Protein backbone atom coordinates (compact mmCIF):
# COMPACT_ATOMS: atom_id res chain seq x y z
CA MET A 1 35.35 63.88 69.38
CA ASN A 2 32.73 64.83 71.70
CA ALA A 3 31.93 64.52 75.60
CA ASP A 4 29.67 61.76 74.41
CA TYR A 5 32.11 59.52 72.54
CA LEU A 6 34.87 60.17 74.97
CA ILE A 7 32.26 58.69 77.95
CA ASN A 8 30.72 56.12 75.59
CA HIS A 9 34.16 54.92 75.25
CA ALA A 10 35.60 54.96 78.89
CA LYS A 11 32.28 52.86 79.88
CA GLN A 12 33.46 50.00 77.35
CA THR A 13 36.68 50.48 77.81
CA SER A 14 36.02 50.02 81.75
CA ASP A 15 33.25 47.00 81.51
CA ILE A 16 35.56 45.04 78.82
CA SER A 17 38.84 45.55 81.50
CA TYR A 18 37.02 44.76 84.47
CA ARG A 19 34.46 42.17 83.13
CA ASP A 20 34.50 40.25 86.41
CA GLY A 21 35.89 42.89 88.55
CA VAL A 22 34.34 44.87 91.18
CA ALA A 23 32.03 48.05 90.60
CA GLU A 24 34.11 50.18 92.30
CA ASP A 25 36.91 49.03 90.15
CA ARG A 26 34.95 49.95 86.79
CA LEU A 27 34.35 53.33 88.03
CA ALA A 28 37.77 54.33 88.87
CA TYR A 29 39.03 52.69 85.82
CA ARG A 30 36.09 55.64 84.41
CA CYS A 31 37.11 58.00 86.07
CA GLY A 32 40.75 57.53 85.13
CA MET A 33 40.26 57.78 81.68
CA LEU A 34 38.35 60.90 81.97
CA GLU A 35 40.78 62.57 83.72
CA GLY A 36 43.22 61.43 80.83
CA TYR A 37 40.84 63.22 78.39
CA ILE A 38 40.20 66.18 80.25
CA LYS A 39 44.16 66.87 80.95
CA THR A 40 44.62 66.33 76.99
CA LEU A 41 41.87 68.62 76.02
CA CYS A 42 42.83 71.40 78.40
CA GLN A 43 46.38 71.42 77.22
CA GLU A 44 44.97 71.63 73.46
CA ILE A 45 43.26 74.55 74.44
CA GLU A 46 46.12 76.32 75.95
CA ASN A 47 48.05 74.93 72.72
CA HIS A 48 45.67 77.16 70.51
CA LYS A 49 45.33 79.84 72.84
CA ASP A 50 46.16 82.81 70.89
CA GLU A 51 43.55 81.26 68.13
CA ILE A 52 40.86 80.57 70.24
CA LEU A 53 41.16 84.71 71.74
CA ALA A 54 41.46 85.76 67.96
CA LEU A 55 38.08 83.72 66.88
CA ASN A 56 36.14 85.21 69.91
CA ARG A 57 37.60 88.77 69.17
CA GLN A 58 36.36 88.16 65.92
CA LEU A 59 32.79 86.90 66.98
CA ILE A 60 32.26 89.68 69.10
CA GLU A 61 33.41 92.26 66.69
CA LYS A 62 30.60 90.64 64.38
CA ASP A 63 28.09 90.80 66.54
CA ASN A 64 28.92 94.58 67.56
């Protein structure tokens, strides 16, 4: 999953869910979906923090 996919999914879902709604409703729904995605991604990063730091250290050592 990448950012473009998540943004497009939020847009597509809001367009379907609020087809007859006001533009502000669609925008609010998209923002809510994207906020949820961001929170999920932050939690995934937190869950894998040690692994990420170890990989980062390996890259730094490799560059030196």
